[in-house]
């Protein structure tokens, strides 16, 4: 992430420090909100999310929600991630999508039968394959999900180490031995990502239209599909 690419006068270090500060503030606010919130089963309940089978229908039917730090990838970036979940398998892979609903809902119904989406936003809870997930309880998942998945696709709502450590706990609980990881976060987290999950950056970077800073993809495997520059962003 370069200062030129951010469209502002801050250095990379200043911008990242600001963003991590925002993340920390939002994490604390989320904790306070949760402590005072009604149980969804007792209150009015969330707005119902729409079931989708294509990236177009997902983006059309599901608006971004800043309260959940929901900022969707562009259509080409979503398609690239979907391709990664299909690569070399020759069949639907068993994938857990952690805080990546745009990818899950861009799969076909047949593919989703093998998959789950773990998310804090309950608006999709009536849809098959949804599993409520709170990163503050990283091991609070059904036993049948333990070490059950061939691949995980992970994009936490925050970029801080505190949050990534919790997602790492969940990842190690869900992933089969030798399973694949596809993660998304800022370049400046590269050393941390290597330490936590033994993943590395790729040439292809996603475009997230409504974020001012650039993410990279991190994998624990070599990917031909992620070895080319994303022409949407040109680097």
C-alpha atoms as a PDB file:
ATOM      1  CA  UNK A   1       0.000   0.000   0.000  1.00  0.00           C
ATOM      2  CA  UNK A   2       1.645   3.254  -1.111  1.00  0.00           C
ATOM      3  CA  UNK A   3       0.705   6.754  -0.071  1.00  0.00           C
ATOM      4  CA  UNK A   4       0.151   7.549  -3.734  1.00  0.00           C
ATOM      5  CA  UNK A   5      -2.334   4.706  -3.978  1.00  0.00           C
ATOM      6  CA  UNK A   6      -4.308   5.916  -0.976  1.00  0.00           C
ATOM      7  CA  UNK A   7      -5.112   9.313  -2.487  1.00  0.00           C
ATOM      8  CA  UNK A   8      -3.938  11.162   0.626  1.00  0.00           C
ATOM      9  CA  UNK A   9      -0.792  12.829   1.930  1.00  0.00           C
ATOM     10  CA  UNK A  10      -0.104  10.362   4.740  1.00  0.00           C
ATOM     11  CA  UNK A  11       2.834   7.976   4.653  1.00  0.00           C
ATOM     12  CA  UNK A  12       2.131   4.239   4.664  1.00  0.00           C
ATOM     13  CA  UNK A  13       3.089   4.023   8.340  1.00  0.00           C
ATOM     14  CA  UNK A  14       0.855   6.934   9.353  1.00  0.00           C
ATOM     15  CA  UNK A  15      -2.124   5.589   7.458  1.00  0.00           C
ATOM     16  CA  UNK A  16      -1.742   2.070   8.823  1.00  0.00           C
ATOM     17  CA  UNK A  17      -1.428   3.403  12.376  1.00  0.00           C
ATOM     18  CA  UNK A  18      -4.611   5.410  11.872  1.00  0.00           C
ATOM     19  CA  UNK A  19      -6.488   2.406  10.459  1.00  0.00           C
ATOM     20  CA  UNK A  20      -5.366   0.146  13.281  1.00  0.00           C
ATOM     21  CA  UNK A  21      -6.523   2.811  15.717  1.00  0.00           C
ATOM     22  CA  UNK A  22      -9.913   2.868  14.025  1.00  0.00           C
ATOM     23  CA  UNK A  23     -10.028  -0.935  14.152  1.00  0.00           C
ATOM     24  CA  UNK A  24      -9.255  -0.971  17.878  1.00  0.00           C
ATOM     25  CA  UNK A  25     -11.960   1.600  18.525  1.00  0.00           C
ATOM     26  CA  UNK A  26     -14.507  -0.382  16.551  1.00  0.00           C
ATOM     27  CA  UNK A  27     -13.564  -3.626  18.321  1.00  0.00           C
ATOM     28  CA  UNK A  28     -14.139  -1.986  21.705  1.00  0.00           C
ATOM     29  CA  UNK A  29     -17.428  -0.454  20.527  1.00  0.00           C
ATOM     30  CA  UNK A  30     -18.594  -3.809  19.197  1.00  0.00           C
ATOM     31  CA  UNK A  31     -17.863  -5.371  22.569  1.00  0.00           C
ATOM     32  CA  UNK A  32     -19.914  -2.692  24.356  1.00  0.00           C
ATOM     33  CA  UNK A  33     -22.767  -3.052  21.872  1.00  0.00           C
ATOM     34  CA  UNK A  34     -22.818  -6.827  22.304  1.00  0.00           C
ATOM     35  CA  UNK A  35     -22.868  -6.542  26.069  1.00  0.00           C
ATOM     36  CA  UNK A  36     -26.002  -4.388  25.938  1.00  0.00           C
ATOM     37  CA  UNK A  37     -27.739  -6.030  22.996  1.00  0.00           C
ATOM     38  CA  UNK A  38     -30.872  -8.130  23.096  1.00  0.00           C
ATOM     39  CA  UNK A  39     -30.641 -11.800  22.282  1.00  0.00           C
ATOM     40  CA  UNK A  40     -31.681 -11.955  18.617  1.00  0.00           C
ATOM     41  CA  UNK A  41     -34.177 -14.682  19.484  1.00  0.00           C
ATOM     42  CA  UNK A  42     -35.882 -12.355  21.960  1.00  0.00           C
ATOM     43  CA  UNK A  43     -35.741  -9.071  20.065  1.00  0.00           C
ATOM     44  CA  UNK A  44     -37.157  -8.007  16.745  1.00  0.00           C
ATOM     45  CA  UNK A  45     -34.368  -9.839  14.905  1.00  0.00           C
ATOM     46  CA  UNK A  46     -32.206  -8.732  12.005  1.00  0.00           C
ATOM     47  CA  UNK A  47     -33.316  -7.985   8.495  1.00  0.00           C
ATOM     48  CA  UNK A  48     -33.324 -11.161   6.447  1.00  0.00           C
ATOM     49  CA  UNK A  49     -30.527 -11.578   3.923  1.00  0.00           C
ATOM     50  CA  UNK A  50     -31.205 -12.720   0.397  1.00  0.00           C
ATOM     51  CA  UNK A  51     -30.199 -16.108  -0.948  1.00  0.00           C
ATOM     52  CA  UNK A  52     -28.039 -15.768  -4.074  1.00  0.00           C
ATOM     53  CA  UNK A  53     -26.176 -17.975  -6.518  1.00  0.00           C
ATOM     54  CA  UNK A  54     -24.144 -15.443  -8.481  1.00  0.00           C
ATOM     55  CA  UNK A  55     -21.870 -12.542  -7.679  1.00  0.00           C
ATOM     56  CA  UNK A  56     -24.251 -10.184  -9.508  1.00  0.00           C
ATOM     57  CA  UNK A  57     -27.233 -11.187  -7.405  1.00  0.00           C
ATOM     58  CA  UNK A  58     -25.229 -10.963  -4.185  1.00  0.00           C
ATOM     59  CA  UNK A  59     -23.968  -7.445  -4.898  1.00  0.00           C
ATOM     60  CA  UNK A  60     -27.433  -6.337  -6.001  1.00  0.00           C
ATOM     61  CA  UNK A  61     -29.313  -7.749  -3.015  1.00  0.00           C
ATOM     62  CA  UNK A  62     -26.849  -7.095  -0.176  1.00  0.00           C
ATOM     63  CA  UNK A  63     -25.763  -3.577   0.649  1.00  0.00           C
ATOM     64  CA  UNK A  64     -22.527  -3.012   2.538  1.00  0.00           C
ATOM     65  CA  UNK A  65     -22.993  -2.352   6.255  1.00  0.00           C
ATOM     66  CA  UNK A  66     -20.340  -0.192   7.901  1.00  0.00           C
ATOM     67  CA  UNK A  67     -21.506  -1.294  11.355  1.00  0.00           C
ATOM     68  CA  UNK A  68     -20.218  -4.772  10.479  1.00  0.00           C
ATOM     69  CA  UNK A  69     -17.212  -3.468   8.529  1.00  0.00           C
ATOM     70  CA  UNK A  70     -18.756  -5.021   5.424  1.00  0.00           C
ATOM     71  CA  UNK A  71     -17.023  -3.787   2.285  1.00  0.00           C
ATOM     72  CA  UNK A  72     -17.453  -6.090  -0.682  1.00  0.00           C
ATOM     73  CA  UNK A  73     -14.784  -7.030  -3.183  1.00  0.00           C
ATOM     74  CA  UNK A  74     -15.311  -6.029  -6.799  1.00  0.00           C
ATOM     75  CA  UNK A  75     -17.011  -8.543  -9.086  1.00  0.00           C
ATOM     76  CA  UNK A  76     -13.730  -9.624 -10.803  1.00  0.00           C
ATOM     77  CA  UNK A  77     -12.045 -10.071  -7.410  1.00  0.00           C
ATOM     78  CA  UNK A  78     -14.944 -12.186  -6.131  1.00  0.00           C
ATOM     79  CA  UNK A  79     -14.798 -14.303  -9.280  1.00  0.00           C
ATOM     80  CA  UNK A  80     -11.060 -14.796  -8.789  1.00  0.00           C
ATOM     81  CA  UNK A  81     -11.621 -16.030  -5.226  1.00  0.00           C
ATOM     82  CA  UNK A  82     -14.392 -18.361  -6.356  1.00  0.00           C
ATOM     83  CA  UNK A  83     -12.005 -19.790  -8.970  1.00  0.00           C
ATOM     84  CA  UNK A  84      -9.473 -20.486  -6.217  1.00  0.00           C
ATOM     85  CA  UNK A  85     -12.007 -22.609  -4.327  1.00  0.00           C
ATOM     86  CA  UNK A  86     -12.518 -24.684  -7.472  1.00  0.00           C
ATOM     87  CA  UNK A  87      -8.885 -24.978  -8.576  1.00  0.00           C
ATOM     88  CA  UNK A  88      -7.544 -28.488  -9.147  1.00  0.00           C
ATOM     89  CA  UNK A  89     -10.374 -30.181  -7.268  1.00  0.00           C
ATOM     90  CA  UNK A  90     -12.498 -31.262 -10.237  1.00  0.00           C
ATOM     91  CA  UNK A  91     -15.444 -31.295  -7.831  1.00  0.00           C
ATOM     92  CA  UNK A  92     -17.032 -29.019  -5.241  1.00  0.00           C
ATOM     93  CA  UNK A  93     -14.526 -28.485  -2.428  1.00  0.00           C
ATOM     94  CA  UNK A  94     -15.496 -28.444   1.235  1.00  0.00           C
ATOM     95  CA  UNK A  95     -14.762 -24.831   2.149  1.00  0.00           C
ATOM     96  CA  UNK A  96     -15.456 -22.693   5.220  1.00  0.00           C
ATOM     97  CA  UNK A  97     -15.864 -18.998   4.412  1.00  0.00           C
ATOM     98  CA  UNK A  98     -14.921 -16.948   7.492  1.00  0.00           C
ATOM     99  CA  UNK A  99     -16.403 -13.452   7.241  1.00  0.00           C
ATOM    100  CA  UNK A 100     -16.479 -13.761   3.437  1.00  0.00           C
ATOM    101  CA  UNK A 101     -20.193 -14.034   2.577  1.00  0.00           C
ATOM    102  CA  UNK A 102     -19.746 -12.462  -0.852  1.00  0.00           C
ATOM    103  CA  UNK A 103     -17.684 -15.470  -1.918  1.00  0.00           C
ATOM    104  CA  UNK A 104     -19.975 -18.096  -0.377  1.00  0.00           C
ATOM    105  CA  UNK A 105     -23.075 -16.623  -1.976  1.00  0.00           C
ATOM    106  CA  UNK A 106     -21.395 -16.490  -5.390  1.00  0.00           C
ATOM    107  CA  UNK A 107     -21.174 -20.301  -5.461  1.00  0.00           C
ATOM    108  CA  UNK A 108     -23.768 -22.545  -7.041  1.00  0.00           C
ATOM    109  CA  UNK A 109     -26.234 -24.396  -4.810  1.00  0.00           C
ATOM    110  CA  UNK A 110     -24.378 -27.652  -5.488  1.00  0.00           C
ATOM    111  CA  UNK A 111     -21.072 -26.152  -4.379  1.00  0.00           C
ATOM    112  CA  UNK A 112     -22.626 -24.624  -1.264  1.00  0.00           C
ATOM    113  CA  UNK A 113     -23.879 -28.021  -0.113  1.00  0.00           C
ATOM    114  CA  UNK A 114     -20.239 -28.791   0.754  1.00  0.00           C
ATOM    115  CA  UNK A 115     -19.552 -25.412   2.387  1.00  0.00           C
ATOM    116  CA  UNK A 116     -20.411 -23.126   5.290  1.00  0.00           C
ATOM    117  CA  UNK A 117     -20.236 -19.374   5.796  1.00  0.00           C
ATOM    118  CA  UNK A 118     -19.289 -18.188   9.290  1.00  0.00           C
ATOM    119  CA  UNK A 119     -20.417 -14.647   9.969  1.00  0.00           C
ATOM    120  CA  UNK A 120     -21.482 -12.305  12.751  1.00  0.00           C
ATOM    121  CA  UNK A 121     -24.312 -10.791  10.677  1.00  0.00           C
ATOM    122  CA  UNK A 122     -27.373 -12.918  11.399  1.00  0.00           C
ATOM    123  CA  UNK A 123     -29.364 -11.668   8.415  1.00  0.00           C
ATOM    124  CA  UNK A 124     -28.385 -14.849   6.539  1.00  0.00           C
ATOM    125  CA  UNK A 125     -29.106 -17.283   9.382  1.00  0.00           C
ATOM    126  CA  UNK A 126     -32.199 -18.782   7.701  1.00  0.00           C
ATOM    127  CA  UNK A 127     -30.131 -19.796   4.659  1.00  0.00           C
ATOM    128  CA  UNK A 128     -28.594 -23.309   4.585  1.00  0.00           C
ATOM    129  CA  UNK A 129     -24.878 -23.258   5.263  1.00  0.00           C
ATOM    130  CA  UNK A 130     -24.901 -20.256   7.606  1.00  0.00           C
ATOM    131  CA  UNK A 131     -23.115 -20.579  10.953  1.00  0.00           C
ATOM    132  CA  UNK A 132     -23.111 -17.692  13.405  1.00  0.00           C
ATOM    133  CA  UNK A 133     -19.528 -16.742  14.305  1.00  0.00           C
ATOM    134  CA  UNK A 134     -18.214 -14.318  16.904  1.00  0.00           C
ATOM    135  CA  UNK A 135     -14.424 -13.977  16.808  1.00  0.00           C
ATOM    136  CA  UNK A 136     -14.480 -13.263  20.547  1.00  0.00           C
ATOM    137  CA  UNK A 137     -15.454 -16.945  20.972  1.00  0.00           C
ATOM    138  CA  UNK A 138     -13.102 -18.474  18.385  1.00  0.00           C
ATOM    139  CA  UNK A 139     -13.646 -22.073  19.489  1.00  0.00           C
ATOM    140  CA  UNK A 140     -17.405 -21.817  19.948  1.00  0.00           C
ATOM    141  CA  UNK A 141     -18.288 -23.943  16.920  1.00  0.00           C
ATOM    142  CA  UNK A 142     -20.002 -27.339  16.539  1.00  0.00           C
ATOM    143  CA  UNK A 143     -17.765 -30.359  17.037  1.00  0.00           C
ATOM    144  CA  UNK A 144     -18.669 -31.739  13.604  1.00  0.00           C
ATOM    145  CA  UNK A 145     -16.925 -28.744  12.032  1.00  0.00           C
ATOM    146  CA  UNK A 146     -13.577 -29.475  13.677  1.00  0.00           C
ATOM    147  CA  UNK A 147     -10.909 -30.326  11.075  1.00  0.00           C
ATOM    148  CA  UNK A 148     -13.676 -30.839   8.515  1.00  0.00           C
ATOM    149  CA  UNK A 149     -12.688 -28.432   5.726  1.00  0.00           C
ATOM    150  CA  UNK A 150     -10.319 -28.720   2.786  1.00  0.00           C
ATOM    151  CA  UNK A 151      -9.997 -24.943   2.467  1.00  0.00           C
ATOM    152  CA  UNK A 152     -10.677 -21.773   4.436  1.00  0.00           C
ATOM    153  CA  UNK A 153     -11.293 -18.315   2.947  1.00  0.00           C
ATOM    154  CA  UNK A 154     -10.719 -15.659   5.618  1.00  0.00           C
ATOM    155  CA  UNK A 155     -11.191 -11.885   5.711  1.00  0.00           C
ATOM    156  CA  UNK A 156     -11.770 -10.536   9.249  1.00  0.00           C
ATOM    157  CA  UNK A 157     -13.580  -7.234   9.718  1.00  0.00           C
ATOM    158  CA  UNK A 158     -10.476  -5.809  11.425  1.00  0.00           C
ATOM    159  CA  UNK A 159      -6.773  -5.873  10.515  1.00  0.00           C
ATOM    160  CA  UNK A 160      -5.310  -5.927  14.042  1.00  0.00           C
ATOM    161  CA  UNK A 161      -3.158  -8.721  15.468  1.00  0.00           C
ATOM    162  CA  UNK A 162      -5.650  -9.184  18.304  1.00  0.00           C
ATOM    163  CA  UNK A 163      -8.374 -10.150  15.854  1.00  0.00           C
ATOM    164  CA  UNK A 164      -6.157 -12.194  13.540  1.00  0.00           C
ATOM    165  CA  UNK A 165      -4.981 -14.268  16.507  1.00  0.00           C
ATOM    166  CA  UNK A 166      -8.605 -15.211  17.184  1.00  0.00           C
ATOM    167  CA  UNK A 167      -9.247 -16.082  13.546  1.00  0.00           C
ATOM    168  CA  UNK A 168      -6.047 -18.162  13.624  1.00  0.00           C
ATOM    169  CA  UNK A 169      -7.444 -20.166  16.537  1.00  0.00           C
ATOM    170  CA  UNK A 170     -10.606 -20.807  14.538  1.00  0.00           C
ATOM    171  CA  UNK A 171      -8.650 -21.672  11.389  1.00  0.00           C
ATOM    172  CA  UNK A 172      -6.586 -24.298  13.174  1.00  0.00           C
ATOM    173  CA  UNK A 173      -9.792 -25.770  14.594  1.00  0.00           C
ATOM    174  CA  UNK A 174     -11.564 -26.037  11.225  1.00  0.00           C
ATOM    175  CA  UNK A 175      -8.872 -26.906   8.668  1.00  0.00           C
ATOM    176  CA  UNK A 176      -8.001 -30.460   7.710  1.00  0.00           C
ATOM    177  CA  UNK A 177      -4.310 -31.447   7.839  1.00  0.00           C
ATOM    178  CA  UNK A 178      -2.721 -30.170   4.638  1.00  0.00           C
ATOM    179  CA  UNK A 179      -5.712 -27.947   3.870  1.00  0.00           C
ATOM    180  CA  UNK A 180      -5.566 -24.683   1.928  1.00  0.00           C
ATOM    181  CA  UNK A 181      -5.772 -21.139   3.286  1.00  0.00           C
ATOM    182  CA  UNK A 182      -6.784 -18.060   1.302  1.00  0.00           C
ATOM    183  CA  UNK A 183      -6.610 -14.950   3.488  1.00  0.00           C
ATOM    184  CA  UNK A 184      -6.983 -11.245   2.814  1.00  0.00           C
ATOM    185  CA  UNK A 185      -5.461  -8.309   4.703  1.00  0.00           C
ATOM    186  CA  UNK A 186      -3.087  -5.369   4.240  1.00  0.00           C
ATOM    187  CA  UNK A 187       0.523  -5.725   3.037  1.00  0.00           C
ATOM    188  CA  UNK A 188       1.879  -4.442   6.314  1.00  0.00           C
ATOM    189  CA  UNK A 189       0.557  -7.582   8.037  1.00  0.00           C
ATOM    190  CA  UNK A 190       2.798  -9.873   5.953  1.00  0.00           C
ATOM    191  CA  UNK A 191       5.234 -10.743   8.747  1.00  0.00           C
ATOM    192  CA  UNK A 192       2.397 -11.337  11.200  1.00  0.00           C
ATOM    193  CA  UNK A 193       0.525 -13.531   8.712  1.00  0.00           C
ATOM    194  CA  UNK A 194       3.637 -15.627   8.127  1.00  0.00           C
ATOM    195  CA  UNK A 195       4.037 -16.077  11.866  1.00  0.00           C
ATOM    196  CA  UNK A 196       0.405 -16.912  12.610  1.00  0.00           C
ATOM    197  CA  UNK A 197      -0.660 -18.998   9.620  1.00  0.00           C
ATOM    198  CA  UNK A 198       2.501 -19.572   7.548  1.00  0.00           C
ATOM    199  CA  UNK A 199       0.968 -17.841   4.515  1.00  0.00           C
ATOM    200  CA  UNK A 200       2.610 -15.629   1.898  1.00  0.00           C
ATOM    201  CA  UNK A 201       1.497 -12.814  -0.403  1.00  0.00           C
ATOM    202  CA  UNK A 202       0.519 -13.294  -4.045  1.00  0.00           C
ATOM    203  CA  UNK A 203       0.877 -11.068  -7.108  1.00  0.00           C
ATOM    204  CA  UNK A 204      -2.877 -10.737  -7.665  1.00  0.00           C
ATOM    205  CA  UNK A 205      -4.413  -8.248  -5.251  1.00  0.00           C
ATOM    206  CA  UNK A 206      -8.148  -7.741  -4.777  1.00  0.00           C
ATOM    207  CA  UNK A 207     -10.022  -4.540  -5.431  1.00  0.00           C
ATOM    208  CA  UNK A 208     -12.374  -3.407  -2.669  1.00  0.00           C
ATOM    209  CA  UNK A 209     -14.073  -0.308  -4.135  1.00  0.00           C
ATOM    210  CA  UNK A 210     -15.143   1.355  -0.896  1.00  0.00           C
ATOM    211  CA  UNK A 211     -11.921   0.911   1.068  1.00  0.00           C
ATOM    212  CA  UNK A 212      -9.183   3.529   0.821  1.00  0.00           C
ATOM    213  CA  UNK A 213      -6.333   1.075   1.468  1.00  0.00           C
ATOM    214  CA  UNK A 214      -5.073  -1.887  -0.494  1.00  0.00           C
ATOM    215  CA  UNK A 215      -5.366  -5.516   0.540  1.00  0.00           C
ATOM    216  CA  UNK A 216      -3.328  -8.512  -0.611  1.00  0.00           C
ATOM    217  CA  UNK A 217      -4.136 -12.202  -0.833  1.00  0.00           C
ATOM    218  CA  UNK A 218      -2.174 -14.597   1.386  1.00  0.00           C
ATOM    219  CA  UNK A 219      -2.043 -18.347   0.768  1.00  0.00           C
ATOM    220  CA  UNK A 220      -0.227 -21.389   2.132  1.00  0.00           C
ATOM    221  CA  UNK A 221      -0.022 -22.871  -1.368  1.00  0.00           C
ATOM    222  CA  UNK A 222       1.288 -21.839  -4.781  1.00  0.00           C
ATOM    223  CA  UNK A 223      -1.491 -20.482  -6.983  1.00  0.00           C
ATOM    224  CA  UNK A 224      -1.237 -20.062 -10.731  1.00  0.00           C
ATOM    225  CA  UNK A 225      -4.472 -18.072 -10.688  1.00  0.00           C
ATOM    226  CA  UNK A 226      -3.046 -15.522  -8.257  1.00  0.00           C
ATOM    227  CA  UNK A 227       0.306 -15.171 -10.037  1.00  0.00           C
ATOM    228  CA  UNK A 228      -0.802 -12.391 -12.415  1.00  0.00           C
ATOM    229  CA  UNK A 229      -1.416  -8.685 -11.763  1.00  0.00           C
ATOM    230  CA  UNK A 230      -5.054  -7.668 -11.240  1.00  0.00           C
ATOM    231  CA  UNK A 231      -5.732  -5.410 -14.233  1.00  0.00           C
ATOM    232  CA  UNK A 232      -8.440  -3.587 -12.262  1.00  0.00           C
ATOM    233  CA  UNK A 233      -5.787  -1.926 -10.118  1.00  0.00           C
ATOM    234  CA  UNK A 234      -2.732  -2.300 -12.377  1.00  0.00           C
ATOM    235  CA  UNK A 235      -0.195  -3.486  -9.780  1.00  0.00           C
END
